[in-house]
Amino acid sequence: MQAIKDKLNDLSAMRKAKAEAREEEKAEKELAKARVEVAHEVRMAKEAEAAMDLHVHKAVEKAAEHERKQHHGGGSGGSGNNNRRDIYDSGSENGSALDPYAQWRN
C-alpha cells in the first residue's frame, strides 16, 4: 500500500515538475518573441531614420542650389513672362500696331 502511495506521490511530483517546465519554456518563448519584435521595431526605426536623413539631405542640397542660383543670377529669374512686353502695348494707346486701319479711325 505504501508503495502505491509513493508511486502516486512520484507521479504527482512529475506532473508538477513537467507543468513548471512547460510554463518556464512558454515564458522563454514569449520573451524570445518579444525580443524579435523589439529587434524588428528597432530595424524599422533605423530604416525610417535613414530615409528621413536622406530626405533632409536632399532638401538641404536643393535649398543650397536654389540659393546659389538666386545669388549668382542663374536661371530666368522666374517664369520669363515678366520680361515680355505685351503685344498690345507696342503701338499707341488705342492698339494701332495691330490694327492696320487705326490711322483712319478717330
PDB file of N, CA and C in Angstrom:
ATOM      1  N   MET A   1       0.823  -1.191   0.000  1.00  0.00           N
ATOM      2  CA  MET A   1       0.000   0.000   0.000  1.00  0.00           C
ATOM      3  C   MET A   1       0.869   1.257   0.000  1.00  0.00           C
ATOM      4  N   GLN A   2       1.943   1.169   0.802  1.00  0.00           N
ATOM      5  CA  GLN A   2       2.860   2.313   0.853  1.00  0.00           C
ATOM      6  C   GLN A   2       3.535   2.532  -0.497  1.00  0.00           C
ATOM      7  N   ALA A   3       3.823   1.457  -1.175  1.00  0.00           N
ATOM      8  CA  ALA A   3       4.463   1.566  -2.491  1.00  0.00           C
ATOM      9  C   ALA A   3       3.536   2.280  -3.475  1.00  0.00           C
ATOM     10  N   ILE A   4       2.246   2.031  -3.366  1.00  0.00           N
ATOM     11  CA  ILE A   4       1.271   2.686  -4.255  1.00  0.00           C
ATOM     12  C   ILE A   4       1.199   4.173  -3.942  1.00  0.00           C
ATOM     13  N   LYS A   5       1.187   4.503  -2.651  1.00  0.00           N
ATOM     14  CA  LYS A   5       1.158   5.916  -2.262  1.00  0.00           C
ATOM     15  C   LYS A   5       2.418   6.635  -2.748  1.00  0.00           C
ATOM     16  N   ASP A   6       3.549   5.981  -2.592  1.00  0.00           N
ATOM     17  CA  ASP A   6       4.808   6.578  -3.065  1.00  0.00           C
ATOM     18  C   ASP A   6       4.779   6.780  -4.581  1.00  0.00           C
ATOM     19  N   LYS A   7       4.254   5.793  -5.280  1.00  0.00           N
ATOM     20  CA  LYS A   7       4.161   5.864  -6.740  1.00  0.00           C
ATOM     21  C   LYS A   7       3.259   7.038  -7.143  1.00  0.00           C
ATOM     22  N   LEU A   8       2.114   7.191  -6.477  1.00  0.00           N
ATOM     23  CA  LEU A   8       1.195   8.306  -6.780  1.00  0.00           C
ATOM     24  C   LEU A   8       1.843   9.651  -6.468  1.00  0.00           C
ATOM     25  N   ASN A   9       2.555   9.713  -5.343  1.00  0.00           N
ATOM     26  CA  ASN A   9       3.261  10.948  -4.991  1.00  0.00           C
ATOM     27  C   ASN A   9       4.336  11.278  -6.036  1.00  0.00           C
ATOM     28  N   ASP A  10       5.043  10.262  -6.501  1.00  0.00           N
ATOM     29  CA  ASP A  10       6.072  10.464  -7.526  1.00  0.00           C
ATOM     30  C   ASP A  10       5.446  10.953  -8.831  1.00  0.00           C
ATOM     31  N   LEU A  11       4.311  10.338  -9.209  1.00  0.00           N
ATOM     32  CA  LEU A  11       3.619  10.778 -10.441  1.00  0.00           C
ATOM     33  C   LEU A  11       3.119  12.220 -10.310  1.00  0.00           C
ATOM     34  N   SER A  12       2.615  12.545  -9.144  1.00  0.00           N
ATOM     35  CA  SER A  12       2.128  13.896  -8.905  1.00  0.00           C
ATOM     36  C   SER A  12       3.281  14.909  -8.967  1.00  0.00           C
ATOM     37  N   ALA A  13       4.386  14.532  -8.371  1.00  0.00           N
ATOM     38  CA  ALA A  13       5.567  15.415  -8.403  1.00  0.00           C
ATOM     39  C   ALA A  13       6.083  15.569  -9.838  1.00  0.00           C
ATOM     40  N   MET A  14       6.059  14.479 -10.608  1.00  0.00           N
ATOM     41  CA  MET A  14       6.497  14.532 -12.008  1.00  0.00           C
ATOM     42  C   MET A  14       5.594  15.450 -12.824  1.00  0.00           C
ATOM     43  N   ARG A  15       4.279  15.310 -12.633  1.00  0.00           N
ATOM     44  CA  ARG A  15       3.346  16.189 -13.350  1.00  0.00           C
ATOM     45  C   ARG A  15       3.580  17.656 -12.999  1.00  0.00           C
ATOM     46  N   LYS A  16       3.810  17.887 -11.707  1.00  0.00           N
ATOM     47  CA  LYS A  16       4.051  19.245 -11.258  1.00  0.00           C
ATOM     48  C   LYS A  16       5.348  19.797 -11.869  1.00  0.00           C
ATOM     49  N   ALA A  17       6.394  18.988 -11.910  1.00  0.00           N
ATOM     50  CA  ALA A  17       7.678  19.412 -12.488  1.00  0.00           C
ATOM     51  C   ALA A  17       7.535  19.662 -13.990  1.00  0.00           C
ATOM     52  N   LYS A  18       6.794  18.764 -14.665  1.00  0.00           N
ATOM     53  CA  LYS A  18       6.574  18.951 -16.101  1.00  0.00           C
ATOM     54  C   LYS A  18       5.782  20.226 -16.373  1.00  0.00           C
ATOM     55  N   ALA A  19       4.771  20.495 -15.576  1.00  0.00           N
ATOM     56  CA  ALA A  19       3.963  21.703 -15.752  1.00  0.00           C
ATOM     57  C   ALA A  19       4.808  22.954 -15.533  1.00  0.00           C
ATOM     58  N   GLU A  20       5.669  22.900 -14.498  1.00  0.00           N
ATOM     59  CA  GLU A  20       6.559  24.047 -14.256  1.00  0.00           C
ATOM     60  C   GLU A  20       7.527  24.237 -15.421  1.00  0.00           C
ATOM     61  N   ALA A  21       8.052  23.137 -15.949  1.00  0.00           N
ATOM     62  CA  ALA A  21       8.981  23.213 -17.084  1.00  0.00           C
ATOM     63  C   ALA A  21       8.271  23.783 -18.317  1.00  0.00           C
ATOM     64  N   ARG A  22       7.014  23.354 -18.546  1.00  0.00           N
ATOM     65  CA  ARG A  22       6.243  23.891 -19.677  1.00  0.00           C
ATOM     66  C   ARG A  22       6.004  25.387 -19.521  1.00  0.00           C
ATOM     67  N   GLU A  23       5.656  25.793 -18.318  1.00  0.00           N
ATOM     68  CA  GLU A  23       5.421  27.220 -18.050  1.00  0.00           C
ATOM     69  C   GLU A  23       6.699  28.031 -18.269  1.00  0.00           C
ATOM     70  N   GLU A  24       7.814  27.487 -17.791  1.00  0.00           N
ATOM     71  CA  GLU A  24       9.097  28.174 -17.976  1.00  0.00           C
ATOM     72  C   GLU A  24       9.451  28.274 -19.459  1.00  0.00           C
ATOM     73  N   GLU A  25       9.238  27.185 -20.195  1.00  0.00           N
ATOM     74  CA  GLU A  25       9.512  27.185 -21.627  1.00  0.00           C
ATOM     75  C   GLU A  25       8.604  28.184 -22.350  1.00  0.00           C
ATOM     76  N   LYS A  26       7.354  28.226 -21.950  1.00  0.00           N
ATOM     77  CA  LYS A  26       6.406  29.159 -22.549  1.00  0.00           C
ATOM     78  C   LYS A  26       6.843  30.604 -22.294  1.00  0.00           C
ATOM     79  N   ALA A  27       7.279  30.883 -21.064  1.00  0.00           N
ATOM     80  CA  ALA A  27       7.743  32.232 -20.726  1.00  0.00           C
ATOM     81  C   ALA A  27       8.981  32.594 -21.543  1.00  0.00           C
ATOM     82  N   GLU A  28       9.895  31.630 -21.705  1.00  0.00           N
ATOM     83  CA  GLU A  28      11.106  31.878 -22.503  1.00  0.00           C
ATOM     84  C   GLU A  28      10.752  32.132 -23.967  1.00  0.00           C
ATOM     85  N   LYS A  29       9.785  31.382 -24.499  1.00  0.00           N
ATOM     86  CA  LYS A  29       9.353  31.600 -25.885  1.00  0.00           C
ATOM     87  C   LYS A  29       8.731  32.982 -26.055  1.00  0.00           C
ATOM     88  N   GLU A  30       7.915  33.386 -25.088  1.00  0.00           N
ATOM     89  CA  GLU A  30       7.296  34.711 -25.153  1.00  0.00           C
ATOM     90  C   GLU A  30       8.363  35.812 -25.089  1.00  0.00           C
ATOM     91  N   LEU A  31       9.371  35.594 -24.236  1.00  0.00           N
ATOM     92  CA  LEU A  31      10.464  36.558 -24.132  1.00  0.00           C
ATOM     93  C   LEU A  31      11.244  36.636 -25.441  1.00  0.00           C
ATOM     94  N   ALA A  32      11.507  35.473 -26.036  1.00  0.00           N
ATOM     95  CA  ALA A  32      12.211  35.446 -27.314  1.00  0.00           C
ATOM     96  C   ALA A  32      11.390  36.134 -28.402  1.00  0.00           C
ATOM     97  N   LYS A  33      10.083  35.895 -28.396  1.00  0.00           N
ATOM     98  CA  LYS A  33       9.203  36.536 -29.375  1.00  0.00           C
ATOM     99  C   LYS A  33       9.206  38.047 -29.182  1.00  0.00           C
ATOM    100  N   ALA A  34       9.184  38.483 -27.920  1.00  0.00           N
ATOM    101  CA  ALA A  34       9.226  39.921 -27.638  1.00  0.00           C
ATOM    102  C   ALA A  34      10.547  40.526 -28.113  1.00  0.00           C
ATOM    103  N   ARG A  35      11.654  39.801 -27.915  1.00  0.00           N
ATOM    104  CA  ARG A  35      12.963  40.281 -28.387  1.00  0.00           C
ATOM    105  C   ARG A  35      12.983  40.410 -29.901  1.00  0.00           C
ATOM    106  N   VAL A  36      12.400  39.444 -30.604  1.00  0.00           N
ATOM    107  CA  VAL A  36      12.330  39.510 -32.067  1.00  0.00           C
ATOM    108  C   VAL A  36      11.501  40.720 -32.497  1.00  0.00           C
ATOM    109  N   GLU A  37      10.387  40.951 -31.828  1.00  0.00           N
ATOM    110  CA  GLU A  37       9.537  42.095 -32.164  1.00  0.00           C
ATOM    111  C   GLU A  37      10.267  43.410 -31.898  1.00  0.00           C
ATOM    112  N   VAL A  38      10.995  43.475 -30.783  1.00  0.00           N
ATOM    113  CA  VAL A  38      11.764  44.690 -30.474  1.00  0.00           C
ATOM    114  C   VAL A  38      12.853  44.898 -31.521  1.00  0.00           C
ATOM    115  N   ALA A  39      13.536  43.827 -31.897  1.00  0.00           N
ATOM    116  CA  ALA A  39      14.580  43.935 -32.918  1.00  0.00           C
ATOM    117  C   ALA A  39      13.991  44.415 -34.241  1.00  0.00           C
ATOM    118  N   HIS A  40      12.816  43.919 -34.570  1.00  0.00           N
ATOM    119  CA  HIS A  40      12.143  44.346 -35.802  1.00  0.00           C
ATOM    120  C   HIS A  40      11.803  45.841 -35.732  1.00  0.00           C
ATOM    121  N   GLU A  41      11.257  46.269 -34.605  1.00  0.00           N
ATOM    122  CA  GLU A  41      10.906  47.686 -34.446  1.00  0.00           C
ATOM    123  C   GLU A  41      12.148  48.577 -34.495  1.00  0.00           C
ATOM    124  N   VAL A  42      13.243  48.110 -33.908  1.00  0.00           N
ATOM    125  CA  VAL A  42      14.496  48.876 -33.947  1.00  0.00           C
ATOM    126  C   VAL A  42      14.978  48.999 -35.387  1.00  0.00           C
ATOM    127  N   ARG A  43      14.905  47.902 -36.131  1.00  0.00           N
ATOM    128  CA  ARG A  43      15.320  47.932 -37.538  1.00  0.00           C
ATOM    129  C   ARG A  43      14.447  48.889 -38.340  1.00  0.00           C
ATOM    130  N   MET A  44      13.151  48.821 -38.115  1.00  0.00           N
ATOM    131  CA  MET A  44      12.233  49.713 -38.834  1.00  0.00           C
ATOM    132  C   MET A  44      12.521  51.175 -38.488  1.00  0.00           C
ATOM    133  N   ALA A  45      12.810  51.446 -37.223  1.00  0.00           N
ATOM    134  CA  ALA A  45      13.114  52.811 -36.796  1.00  0.00           C
ATOM    135  C   ALA A  45      14.405  53.302 -37.438  1.00  0.00           C
ATOM    136  N   LYS A  46      15.409  52.435 -37.506  1.00  0.00           N
ATOM    137  CA  LYS A  46      16.677  52.816 -38.139  1.00  0.00           C
ATOM    138  C   LYS A  46      16.474  53.099 -39.624  1.00  0.00           C
ATOM    139  N   GLU A  47      15.668  52.280 -40.292  1.00  0.00           N
ATOM    140  CA  GLU A  47      15.391  52.498 -41.711  1.00  0.00           C
ATOM    141  C   GLU A  47      14.652  53.811 -41.922  1.00  0.00           C
ATOM    142  N   ALA A  48      13.676  54.085 -41.055  1.00  0.00           N
ATOM    143  CA  ALA A  48      12.922  55.336 -41.176  1.00  0.00           C
ATOM    144  C   ALA A  48      13.829  56.529 -40.907  1.00  0.00           C
ATOM    145  N   GLU A  49      14.720  56.405 -39.950  1.00  0.00           N
ATOM    146  CA  GLU A  49      15.649  57.491 -39.647  1.00  0.00           C
ATOM    147  C   GLU A  49      16.590  57.732 -40.822  1.00  0.00           C
ATOM    148  N   ALA A  50      17.073  56.658 -41.437  1.00  0.00           N
ATOM    149  CA  ALA A  50      17.955  56.792 -42.590  1.00  0.00           C
ATOM    150  C   ALA A  50      17.219  57.447 -43.757  1.00  0.00           C
ATOM    151  N   ALA A  51      15.975  57.051 -43.969  1.00  0.00           N
ATOM    152  CA  ALA A  51      15.176  57.651 -45.043  1.00  0.00           C
ATOM    153  C   ALA A  51      14.943  59.135 -44.777  1.00  0.00           C
ATOM    154  N   MET A  52      14.675  59.481 -43.524  1.00  0.00           N
ATOM    155  CA  MET A  52      14.457  60.886 -43.178  1.00  0.00           C
ATOM    156  C   MET A  52      15.746  61.680 -43.332  1.00  0.00           C
ATOM    157  N   ASP A  53      16.876  61.107 -42.931  1.00  0.00           N
ATOM    158  CA  ASP A  53      18.155  61.796 -43.114  1.00  0.00           C
ATOM    159  C   ASP A  53      18.418  62.054 -44.597  1.00  0.00           C
ATOM    160  N   LEU A  54      18.126  61.068 -45.437  1.00  0.00           N
ATOM    161  CA  LEU A  54      18.305  61.244 -46.876  1.00  0.00           C
ATOM    162  C   LEU A  54      17.383  62.338 -47.399  1.00  0.00           C
ATOM    163  N   HIS A  55      16.154  62.340 -46.939  1.00  0.00           N
ATOM    164  CA  HIS A  55      15.186  63.353 -47.351  1.00  0.00           C
ATOM    165  C   HIS A  55      15.660  64.748 -46.943  1.00  0.00           C
ATOM    166  N   VAL A  56      16.135  64.879 -45.720  1.00  0.00           N
ATOM    167  CA  VAL A  56      16.622  66.169 -45.236  1.00  0.00           C
ATOM    168  C   VAL A  56      17.856  66.591 -46.028  1.00  0.00           C
ATOM    169  N   HIS A  57      18.754  65.649 -46.302  1.00  0.00           N
ATOM    170  CA  HIS A  57      19.963  65.955 -47.059  1.00  0.00           C
ATOM    171  C   HIS A  57      19.611  66.471 -48.458  1.00  0.00           C
ATOM    172  N   LYS A  58      18.668  65.801 -49.103  1.00  0.00           N
ATOM    173  CA  LYS A  58      18.239  66.244 -50.432  1.00  0.00           C
ATOM    174  C   LYS A  58      17.604  67.630 -50.373  1.00  0.00           C
ATOM    175  N   ALA A  59      16.794  67.878 -49.345  1.00  0.00           N
ATOM    176  CA  ALA A  59      16.145  69.183 -49.200  1.00  0.00           C
ATOM    177  C   ALA A  59      17.187  70.277 -48.982  1.00  0.00           C
ATOM    178  N   VAL A  60      18.212  69.995 -48.184  1.00  0.00           N
ATOM    179  CA  VAL A  60      19.272  70.975 -47.942  1.00  0.00           C
ATOM    180  C   VAL A  60      20.030  71.256 -49.238  1.00  0.00           C
ATOM    181  N   GLU A  61      20.343  70.195 -49.987  1.00  0.00           N
ATOM    182  CA  GLU A  61      21.041  70.387 -51.263  1.00  0.00           C
ATOM    183  C   GLU A  61      20.199  71.215 -52.230  1.00  0.00           C
ATOM    184  N   LYS A  62      18.915  70.918 -52.290  1.00  0.00           N
ATOM    185  CA  LYS A  62      18.030  71.647 -53.191  1.00  0.00           C
ATOM    186  C   LYS A  62      17.930  73.113 -52.781  1.00  0.00           C
ATOM    187  N   ALA A  63      17.842  73.375 -51.482  1.00  0.00           N
ATOM    188  CA  ALA A  63      17.776  74.749 -50.997  1.00  0.00           C
ATOM    189  C   ALA A  63      19.081  75.484 -51.292  1.00  0.00           C
ATOM    190  N   ALA A  64      20.210  74.802 -51.113  1.00  0.00           N
ATOM    191  CA  ALA A  64      21.505  75.424 -51.403  1.00  0.00           C
ATOM    192  C   ALA A  64      21.635  75.730 -52.892  1.00  0.00           C
ATOM    193  N   GLU A  65      21.176  74.816 -53.725  1.00  0.00           N
ATOM    194  CA  GLU A  65      21.232  75.048 -55.177  1.00  0.00           C
ATOM    195  C   GLU A  65      20.339  76.228 -55.558  1.00  0.00           C
ATOM    196  N   HIS A  66      19.166  76.291 -54.976  1.00  0.00           N
ATOM    197  CA  HIS A  66      18.251  77.398 -55.239  1.00  0.00           C
ATOM    198  C   HIS A  66      18.878  78.721 -54.783  1.00  0.00           C
ATOM    199  N   GLU A  67      19.516  78.689 -53.629  1.00  0.00           N
ATOM    200  CA  GLU A  67      20.178  79.885 -53.094  1.00  0.00           C
ATOM    201  C   GLU A  67      21.321  80.313 -54.003  1.00  0.00           C
ATOM    202  N   ARG A  68      22.094  79.336 -54.492  1.00  0.00           N
ATOM    203  CA  ARG A  68      23.197  79.637 -55.415  1.00  0.00           C
ATOM    204  C   ARG A  68      22.678  80.293 -56.684  1.00  0.00           C
ATOM    205  N   LYS A  69      21.597  79.756 -57.206  1.00  0.00           N
ATOM    206  CA  LYS A  69      21.030  80.311 -58.440  1.00  0.00           C
ATOM    207  C   LYS A  69      20.567  81.751 -58.227  1.00  0.00           C
ATOM    208  N   GLN A  70      19.984  82.023 -57.088  1.00  0.00           N
ATOM    209  CA  GLN A  70      19.493  83.375 -56.832  1.00  0.00           C
ATOM    210  C   GLN A  70      20.643  84.343 -56.627  1.00  0.00           C
ATOM    211  N   HIS A  71      21.709  83.945 -55.966  1.00  0.00           N
ATOM    212  CA  HIS A  71      22.838  84.839 -55.698  1.00  0.00           C
ATOM    213  C   HIS A  71      23.691  85.065 -56.937  1.00  0.00           C
ATOM    214  N   HIS A  72      23.798  84.068 -57.792  1.00  0.00           N
ATOM    215  CA  HIS A  72      24.653  84.183 -58.973  1.00  0.00           C
ATOM    216  C   HIS A  72      23.886  84.626 -60.208  1.00  0.00           C
ATOM    217  N   GLY A  73      22.620  84.870 -60.084  1.00  0.00           N
ATOM    218  CA  GLY A  73      21.815  85.325 -61.212  1.00  0.00           C
ATOM    219  C   GLY A  73      21.511  84.228 -62.201  1.00  0.00           C
ATOM    220  N   GLY A  74      21.636  83.017 -61.803  1.00  0.00           N
ATOM    221  CA  GLY A  74      21.347  81.898 -62.691  1.00  0.00           C
ATOM    222  C   GLY A  74      19.858  81.740 -62.886  1.00  0.00           C
ATOM    223  N   GLY A  75      19.499  81.104 -63.958  1.00  0.00           N
ATOM    224  CA  GLY A  75      18.078  80.878 -64.221  1.00  0.00           C
ATOM    225  C   GLY A  75      17.447  82.079 -64.883  1.00  0.00           C
ATOM    226  N   SER A  76      16.176  81.976 -65.147  1.00  0.00           N
ATOM    227  CA  SER A  76      15.472  83.032 -65.863  1.00  0.00           C
ATOM    228  C   SER A  76      14.909  84.087 -64.925  1.00  0.00           C
ATOM    229  N   GLY A  77      15.042  83.908 -63.646  1.00  0.00           N
ATOM    230  CA  GLY A  77      14.504  84.879 -62.709  1.00  0.00           C
ATOM    231  C   GLY A  77      12.999  84.766 -62.570  1.00  0.00           C
ATOM    232  N   GLY A  78      12.479  83.633 -62.823  1.00  0.00           N
ATOM    233  CA  GLY A  78      11.035  83.427 -62.723  1.00  0.00           C
ATOM    234  C   GLY A  78      10.540  82.722 -63.953  1.00  0.00           C
ATOM    235  N   SER A  79       9.295  82.985 -64.320  1.00  0.00           N
ATOM    236  CA  SER A  79       8.710  82.278 -65.449  1.00  0.00           C
ATOM    237  C   SER A  79       9.129  82.864 -66.778  1.00  0.00           C
ATOM    238  N   GLY A  80       9.680  84.045 -66.801  1.00  0.00           N
ATOM    239  CA  GLY A  80      10.072  84.688 -68.054  1.00  0.00           C
ATOM    240  C   GLY A  80       8.988  85.580 -68.603  1.00  0.00           C
ATOM    241  N   ASN A  81       7.794  85.473 -68.102  1.00  0.00           N
ATOM    242  CA  ASN A  81       6.690  86.283 -68.600  1.00  0.00           C
ATOM    243  C   ASN A  81       6.840  87.747 -68.222  1.00  0.00           C
ATOM    244  N   ASN A  82       7.571  88.035 -67.169  1.00  0.00           N
ATOM    245  CA  ASN A  82       7.715  89.418 -66.722  1.00  0.00           C
ATOM    246  C   ASN A  82       8.583  90.238 -67.666  1.00  0.00           C
ATOM    247  N   ASN A  83       9.422  89.581 -68.452  1.00  0.00           N
ATOM    248  CA  ASN A  83      10.339  90.291 -69.328  1.00  0.00           C
ATOM    249  C   ASN A  83       9.726  90.597 -70.694  1.00  0.00           C
ATOM    250  N   ARG A  84       8.623  89.992 -71.005  1.00  0.00           N
ATOM    251  CA  ARG A  84       7.985  90.219 -72.302  1.00  0.00           C
ATOM    252  C   ARG A  84       7.081  91.438 -72.255  1.00  0.00           C
ATOM    253  N   ARG A  85       7.075  92.136 -73.359  1.00  0.00           N
ATOM    254  CA  ARG A  85       6.131  93.249 -73.466  1.00  0.00           C
ATOM    255  C   ARG A  85       4.856  92.728 -74.096  1.00  0.00           C
ATOM    256  N   ASP A  86       3.787  93.245 -73.667  1.00  0.00           N
ATOM    257  CA  ASP A  86       2.501  92.839 -74.209  1.00  0.00           C
ATOM    258  C   ASP A  86       2.406  93.350 -75.638  1.00  0.00           C
ATOM    259  N   ILE A  87       1.952  92.543 -76.564  1.00  0.00           N
ATOM    260  CA  ILE A  87       1.903  92.960 -77.965  1.00  0.00           C
ATOM    261  C   ILE A  87       0.932  94.117 -78.188  1.00  0.00           C
ATOM    262  N   TYR A  88      -0.009  94.260 -77.316  1.00  0.00           N
ATOM    263  CA  TYR A  88      -0.956  95.357 -77.461  1.00  0.00           C
ATOM    264  C   TYR A  88      -0.362  96.686 -76.999  1.00  0.00           C
ATOM    265  N   ASP A  89       0.734  96.622 -76.228  1.00  0.00           N
ATOM    266  CA  ASP A  89       1.366  97.843 -75.740  1.00  0.00           C
ATOM    267  C   ASP A  89       2.430  98.360 -76.700  1.00  0.00           C
ATOM    268  N   SER A  90       2.686  97.678 -77.799  1.00  0.00           N
ATOM    269  CA  SER A  90       3.780  98.086 -78.685  1.00  0.00           C
ATOM    270  C   SER A  90       3.419  99.291 -79.543  1.00  0.00           C
ATOM    271  N   GLY A  91       2.170  99.554 -79.724  1.00  0.00           N
ATOM    272  CA  GLY A  91       1.771 100.699 -80.547  1.00  0.00           C
ATOM    273  C   GLY A  91       1.272 101.836 -79.688  1.00  0.00           C
ATOM    274  N   SER A  92       0.378 102.589 -80.221  1.00  0.00           N
ATOM    275  CA  SER A  92      -0.199 103.692 -79.457  1.00  0.00           C
ATOM    276  C   SER A  92      -1.182 103.157 -78.441  1.00  0.00           C
ATOM    277  N   GLU A  93      -1.804 104.042 -77.722  1.00  0.00           N
ATOM    278  CA  GLU A  93      -2.702 103.612 -76.655  1.00  0.00           C
ATOM    279  C   GLU A  93      -3.926 102.893 -77.190  1.00  0.00           C
ATOM    280  N   ASN A  94      -4.335 103.167 -78.393  1.00  0.00           N
ATOM    281  CA  ASN A  94      -5.523 102.505 -78.923  1.00  0.00           C
ATOM    282  C   ASN A  94      -5.199 101.222 -79.667  1.00  0.00           C
ATOM    283  N   GLY A  95      -3.935 100.769 -79.667  1.00  0.00           N
ATOM    284  CA  GLY A  95      -3.576  99.492 -80.266  1.00  0.00           C
ATOM    285  C   GLY A  95      -3.344  99.571 -81.754  1.00  0.00           C
ATOM    286  N   SER A  96      -2.811 100.644 -82.253  1.00  0.00           N
ATOM    287  CA  SER A  96      -2.638 100.821 -83.684  1.00  0.00           C
ATOM    288  C   SER A  96      -1.605  99.875 -84.277  1.00  0.00           C
ATOM    289  N   ALA A  97      -0.757  99.286 -83.488  1.00  0.00           N
ATOM    290  CA  ALA A  97       0.245  98.385 -84.040  1.00  0.00           C
ATOM    291  C   ALA A  97      -0.408  97.132 -84.605  1.00  0.00           C
ATOM    292  N   LEU A  98      -1.563  96.731 -84.093  1.00  0.00           N
ATOM    293  CA  LEU A  98      -2.240  95.545 -84.583  1.00  0.00           C
ATOM    294  C   LEU A  98      -3.358  95.875 -85.570  1.00  0.00           C
ATOM    295  N   ASP A  99      -3.824  97.065 -85.516  1.00  0.00           N
ATOM    296  CA  ASP A  99      -4.923  97.460 -86.382  1.00  0.00           C
ATOM    297  C   ASP A  99      -4.373  98.253 -87.568  1.00  0.00           C
ATOM    298  N   PRO A 100      -4.382  97.664 -88.775  1.00  0.00           N
ATOM    299  CA  PRO A 100      -3.835  98.387 -89.930  1.00  0.00           C
ATOM    300  C   PRO A 100      -4.694  99.603 -90.324  1.00  0.00           C
ATOM    301  N   TYR A 101      -5.920  99.693 -89.873  1.00  0.00           N
ATOM    302  CA  TYR A 101      -6.806 100.807 -90.234  1.00  0.00           C
ATOM    303  C   TYR A 101      -6.912 101.838 -89.116  1.00  0.00           C
ATOM    304  N   ALA A 102      -6.087 101.711 -88.096  1.00  0.00           N
ATOM    305  CA  ALA A 102      -6.191 102.612 -86.946  1.00  0.00           C
ATOM    306  C   ALA A 102      -5.878 104.048 -87.355  1.00  0.00           C
ATOM    307  N   GLN A 103      -5.036 104.254 -88.350  1.00  0.00           N
ATOM    308  CA  GLN A 103      -4.682 105.627 -88.728  1.00  0.00           C
ATOM    309  C   GLN A 103      -5.874 106.367 -89.332  1.00  0.00           C
ATOM    310  N   TRP A 104      -6.862 105.681 -89.893  1.00  0.00           N
ATOM    311  CA  TRP A 104      -8.004 106.342 -90.470  1.00  0.00           C
ATOM    312  C   TRP A 104      -9.181 106.438 -89.512  1.00  0.00           C
ATOM    313  N   ARG A 105      -9.048 105.862 -88.326  1.00  0.00           N
ATOM    314  CA  ARG A 105     -10.133 105.945 -87.344  1.00  0.00           C
ATOM    315  C   ARG A 105      -9.811 107.031 -86.327  1.00  0.00           C
ATOM    316  N   ASN A 106     -10.817 107.746 -85.965  1.00  0.00           N
ATOM    317  CA  ASN A 106     -10.704 108.724 -84.871  1.00  0.00           C
ATOM    318  C   ASN A 106     -12.048 108.969 -84.281  1.00  0.00           C
TER     319      ASN A 106
END
